Amino acid sequence: MVNKIKLARMEKGLTQSQLAEAVGVTRQTIGLIEKNAYNPSLQLCLAIAKKLNKTLNDLFWEE
C-alpha cells in the first residue's frame, strides 16, 4: 500500500527534505512517517496536512 503522505508529497513535487524543512522536522522524520515507523504529534500532522493542502482525513484516516 502506498503511503498517503508520500503520495501527496510527490503530487506536490516536494522532496522529503523540502517537506521536512517546511514543517520543522528532519528528513529522517518524514521518511519514518512515510514508512509508518513513527507516529507524529497532532501538531506535526496538522502542519504536514496544511503544507500538502490536504485534510487530516485525506492523509491519516484508514479505510
C-alpha atoms as a PDB file:
ATOM      1  CA  MET A   1       0.000   0.000   0.000  1.00  0.00           C
ATOM      2  CA  VAL A   2       1.351   3.408  -0.974  1.00  0.00           C
ATOM      3  CA  ASN A   3       1.650   5.805   1.936  1.00  0.00           C
ATOM      4  CA  LYS A   4      -0.842   8.680   1.556  1.00  0.00           C
ATOM      5  CA  ILE A   5       1.645  11.245   2.821  1.00  0.00           C
ATOM      6  CA  LYS A   6       4.302  10.122   0.360  1.00  0.00           C
ATOM      7  CA  LEU A   7       1.776  10.206  -2.477  1.00  0.00           C
ATOM      8  CA  ALA A   8       0.578  13.709  -1.560  1.00  0.00           C
ATOM      9  CA  ARG A   9       4.168  14.925  -1.185  1.00  0.00           C
ATOM     10  CA  MET A  10       5.111  13.567  -4.606  1.00  0.00           C
ATOM     11  CA  GLU A  11       1.981  15.111  -6.173  1.00  0.00           C
ATOM     12  CA  LYS A  12       3.170  18.493  -4.881  1.00  0.00           C
ATOM     13  CA  GLY A  13       6.655  17.856  -6.297  1.00  0.00           C
ATOM     14  CA  LEU A  14       8.327  18.050  -2.890  1.00  0.00           C
ATOM     15  CA  THR A  15      11.271  16.021  -1.665  1.00  0.00           C
ATOM     16  CA  GLN A  16      11.305  14.615   1.862  1.00  0.00           C
ATOM     17  CA  SER A  17      13.864  17.304   2.731  1.00  0.00           C
ATOM     18  CA  GLN A  18      11.683  20.115   1.398  1.00  0.00           C
ATOM     19  CA  LEU A  19       8.621  18.913   3.307  1.00  0.00           C
ATOM     20  CA  ALA A  20      10.700  18.402   6.450  1.00  0.00           C
ATOM     21  CA  GLU A  21      12.112  21.928   6.276  1.00  0.00           C
ATOM     22  CA  ALA A  22       8.629  23.386   5.700  1.00  0.00           C
ATOM     23  CA  VAL A  23       7.198  21.692   8.801  1.00  0.00           C
ATOM     24  CA  GLY A  24      10.251  21.980  11.058  1.00  0.00           C
ATOM     25  CA  VAL A  25      11.481  18.383  11.320  1.00  0.00           C
ATOM     26  CA  THR A  26      14.326  16.334   9.852  1.00  0.00           C
ATOM     27  CA  ARG A  27      14.173  14.462   6.569  1.00  0.00           C
ATOM     28  CA  GLN A  28      14.584  11.264   8.571  1.00  0.00           C
ATOM     29  CA  THR A  29      11.387  12.019  10.484  1.00  0.00           C
ATOM     30  CA  ILE A  30       9.424  12.390   7.238  1.00  0.00           C
ATOM     31  CA  GLY A  31      10.962   9.128   5.984  1.00  0.00           C
ATOM     32  CA  LEU A  32       9.892   7.297   9.145  1.00  0.00           C
ATOM     33  CA  ILE A  33       6.368   8.734   8.956  1.00  0.00           C
ATOM     34  CA  GLU A  34       6.118   7.573   5.335  1.00  0.00           C
ATOM     35  CA  LYS A  35       7.232   4.065   6.393  1.00  0.00           C
ATOM     36  CA  ASN A  36       4.677   4.033   9.217  1.00  0.00           C
ATOM     37  CA  ALA A  37       7.561   3.678  11.674  1.00  0.00           C
ATOM     38  CA  TYR A  38       6.897   6.928  13.568  1.00  0.00           C
ATOM     39  CA  ASN A  39       3.672   8.366  14.988  1.00  0.00           C
ATOM     40  CA  PRO A  40       3.762  12.150  14.536  1.00  0.00           C
ATOM     41  CA  SER A  41       2.184  14.516  17.035  1.00  0.00           C
ATOM     42  CA  LEU A  42      -1.143  16.089  16.172  1.00  0.00           C
ATOM     43  CA  GLN A  43       0.661  19.407  15.697  1.00  0.00           C
ATOM     44  CA  LEU A  44       3.006  17.812  13.142  1.00  0.00           C
ATOM     45  CA  CYS A  45       0.097  16.047  11.402  1.00  0.00           C
ATOM     46  CA  LEU A  46      -1.662  19.394  11.028  1.00  0.00           C
ATOM     47  CA  ALA A  47       1.480  21.092   9.681  1.00  0.00           C
ATOM     48  CA  ILE A  48       2.012  18.328   7.103  1.00  0.00           C
ATOM     49  CA  ALA A  49      -1.642  18.392   6.025  1.00  0.00           C
ATOM     50  CA  LYS A  50      -1.577  22.180   5.674  1.00  0.00           C
ATOM     51  CA  LYS A  51       1.642  22.145   3.620  1.00  0.00           C
ATOM     52  CA  LEU A  52       0.255  19.441   1.309  1.00  0.00           C
ATOM     53  CA  ASN A  53      -3.193  21.121   1.024  1.00  0.00           C
ATOM     54  CA  LYS A  54      -4.891  18.002   2.380  1.00  0.00           C
ATOM     55  CA  THR A  55      -7.152  17.265   5.330  1.00  0.00           C
ATOM     56  CA  LEU A  56      -6.154  15.025   8.224  1.00  0.00           C
ATOM     57  CA  ASN A  57      -8.685  12.507   6.906  1.00  0.00           C
ATOM     58  CA  ASP A  58      -7.047  12.565   3.470  1.00  0.00           C
ATOM     59  CA  LEU A  59      -3.646  11.694   4.925  1.00  0.00           C
ATOM     60  CA  PHE A  60      -4.234   9.730   8.102  1.00  0.00           C
ATOM     61  CA  TRP A  61      -7.663   8.070   8.027  1.00  0.00           C
ATOM     62  CA  GLU A  62      -7.551   4.333   7.338  1.00  0.00           C
ATOM     63  CA  GLU A  63     -10.423   2.770   5.462  1.00  0.00           C
END
